[in-house]
Amino acid sequence: MEAKFPDCRKCSSGVLIPLSDYGRDGAPITYKAWVCTNPTCGFNVRIDNGEISLGRAIGPSSK
């Protein structure tokens, strides 16, 4: 079965793909963020400490 991801509502040319991460204790956090595949768009939605943030700057982690 092929996964169908939602279209980006900001640019309408990219697709939102899910990203996962690990919590402080190593527990997996599935779908922590959704990012647009269009590099010029940069739209993203994240969950950090239970709060939703939109459009935060994307860049390399300092960790």
C-alpha atoms as a PDB file:
ATOM      1  CA  MET A   1       0.000   0.000   0.000  1.00  0.00           C
ATOM      2  CA  GLU A   2       1.443   3.364  -1.034  1.00  0.00           C
ATOM      3  CA  ALA A   3       1.262   6.249   1.454  1.00  0.00           C
ATOM      4  CA  LYS A   4      -0.478   9.443   0.311  1.00  0.00           C
ATOM      5  CA  PHE A   5       0.724  12.556   2.094  1.00  0.00           C
ATOM      6  CA  PRO A   6      -1.219  15.853   2.157  1.00  0.00           C
ATOM      7  CA  ASP A   7      -0.464  18.673  -0.260  1.00  0.00           C
ATOM      8  CA  CYS A   8       1.141  21.764   1.247  1.00  0.00           C
ATOM      9  CA  ARG A   9      -1.532  24.425   1.704  1.00  0.00           C
ATOM     10  CA  LYS A  10       1.030  27.225   1.732  1.00  0.00           C
ATOM     11  CA  CYS A  11       2.656  26.666  -1.687  1.00  0.00           C
ATOM     12  CA  SER A  12       0.341  24.049  -3.271  1.00  0.00           C
ATOM     13  CA  SER A  13       3.302  22.545  -5.142  1.00  0.00           C
ATOM     14  CA  GLY A  14       4.957  20.557  -2.352  1.00  0.00           C
ATOM     15  CA  VAL A  15       3.801  17.662  -0.204  1.00  0.00           C
ATOM     16  CA  LEU A  16       3.928  17.551   3.604  1.00  0.00           C
ATOM     17  CA  ILE A  17       6.025  14.635   4.821  1.00  0.00           C
ATOM     18  CA  PRO A  18       6.240  13.458   8.452  1.00  0.00           C
ATOM     19  CA  LEU A  19       9.453  13.407  10.472  1.00  0.00           C
ATOM     20  CA  SER A  20       9.962  11.482  13.695  1.00  0.00           C
ATOM     21  CA  ASP A  21      12.364  11.950  16.607  1.00  0.00           C
ATOM     22  CA  TYR A  22      13.264  10.510  19.989  1.00  0.00           C
ATOM     23  CA  GLY A  23      12.330  11.963  23.379  1.00  0.00           C
ATOM     24  CA  ARG A  24      14.591  12.630  26.337  1.00  0.00           C
ATOM     25  CA  ASP A  25      14.307   9.047  27.569  1.00  0.00           C
ATOM     26  CA  GLY A  26      14.795   7.535  24.131  1.00  0.00           C
ATOM     27  CA  ALA A  27      11.107   6.891  23.466  1.00  0.00           C
ATOM     28  CA  PRO A  28      10.125   7.367  19.816  1.00  0.00           C
ATOM     29  CA  ILE A  29       8.014  10.424  18.943  1.00  0.00           C
ATOM     30  CA  THR A  30       6.205   9.527  15.734  1.00  0.00           C
ATOM     31  CA  TYR A  31       5.294  12.444  13.466  1.00  0.00           C
ATOM     32  CA  LYS A  32       6.957  15.129  15.595  1.00  0.00           C
ATOM     33  CA  ALA A  33       7.071  17.443  12.588  1.00  0.00           C
ATOM     34  CA  TRP A  34       5.627  17.815   9.096  1.00  0.00           C
ATOM     35  CA  VAL A  35       7.690  19.636   6.461  1.00  0.00           C
ATOM     36  CA  CYS A  36       7.035  20.705   2.874  1.00  0.00           C
ATOM     37  CA  THR A  37       9.079  18.964   0.185  1.00  0.00           C
ATOM     38  CA  ASN A  38       9.332  22.197  -1.822  1.00  0.00           C
ATOM     39  CA  PRO A  39      12.693  23.705  -0.735  1.00  0.00           C
ATOM     40  CA  THR A  40      11.622  27.264  -1.591  1.00  0.00           C
ATOM     41  CA  CYS A  41       8.487  26.985   0.571  1.00  0.00           C
ATOM     42  CA  GLY A  42       9.969  25.981   3.929  1.00  0.00           C
ATOM     43  CA  PHE A  43       6.587  25.438   5.623  1.00  0.00           C
ATOM     44  CA  ASN A  44       6.717  23.198   8.693  1.00  0.00           C
ATOM     45  CA  VAL A  45       4.634  22.229  11.707  1.00  0.00           C
ATOM     46  CA  ARG A  46       6.343  20.945  14.869  1.00  0.00           C
ATOM     47  CA  ILE A  47       5.375  19.687  18.289  1.00  0.00           C
ATOM     48  CA  ASP A  48       7.805  20.776  21.020  1.00  0.00           C
ATOM     49  CA  ASN A  49       7.044  19.991  24.664  1.00  0.00           C
ATOM     50  CA  GLY A  50       3.363  19.638  23.833  1.00  0.00           C
ATOM     51  CA  GLU A  51       3.131  22.974  21.984  1.00  0.00           C
ATOM     52  CA  ILE A  52       2.518  23.315  18.254  1.00  0.00           C
ATOM     53  CA  SER A  53       4.734  25.742  16.349  1.00  0.00           C
ATOM     54  CA  LEU A  54       4.238  26.811  12.730  1.00  0.00           C
ATOM     55  CA  GLY A  55       6.832  27.998  10.249  1.00  0.00           C
ATOM     56  CA  ARG A  56       9.816  27.879  12.563  1.00  0.00           C
ATOM     57  CA  ALA A  57      13.169  28.285  10.766  1.00  0.00           C
ATOM     58  CA  ILE A  58      14.631  24.989   9.577  1.00  0.00           C
ATOM     59  CA  GLY A  59      18.341  24.378   9.917  1.00  0.00           C
ATOM     60  CA  PRO A  60      20.971  21.963  11.198  1.00  0.00           C
ATOM     61  CA  SER A  61      20.745  20.893  14.815  1.00  0.00           C
ATOM     62  CA  SER A  62      23.379  22.082  17.255  1.00  0.00           C
ATOM     63  CA  LYS A  63      23.325  18.649  18.920  1.00  0.00           C
END
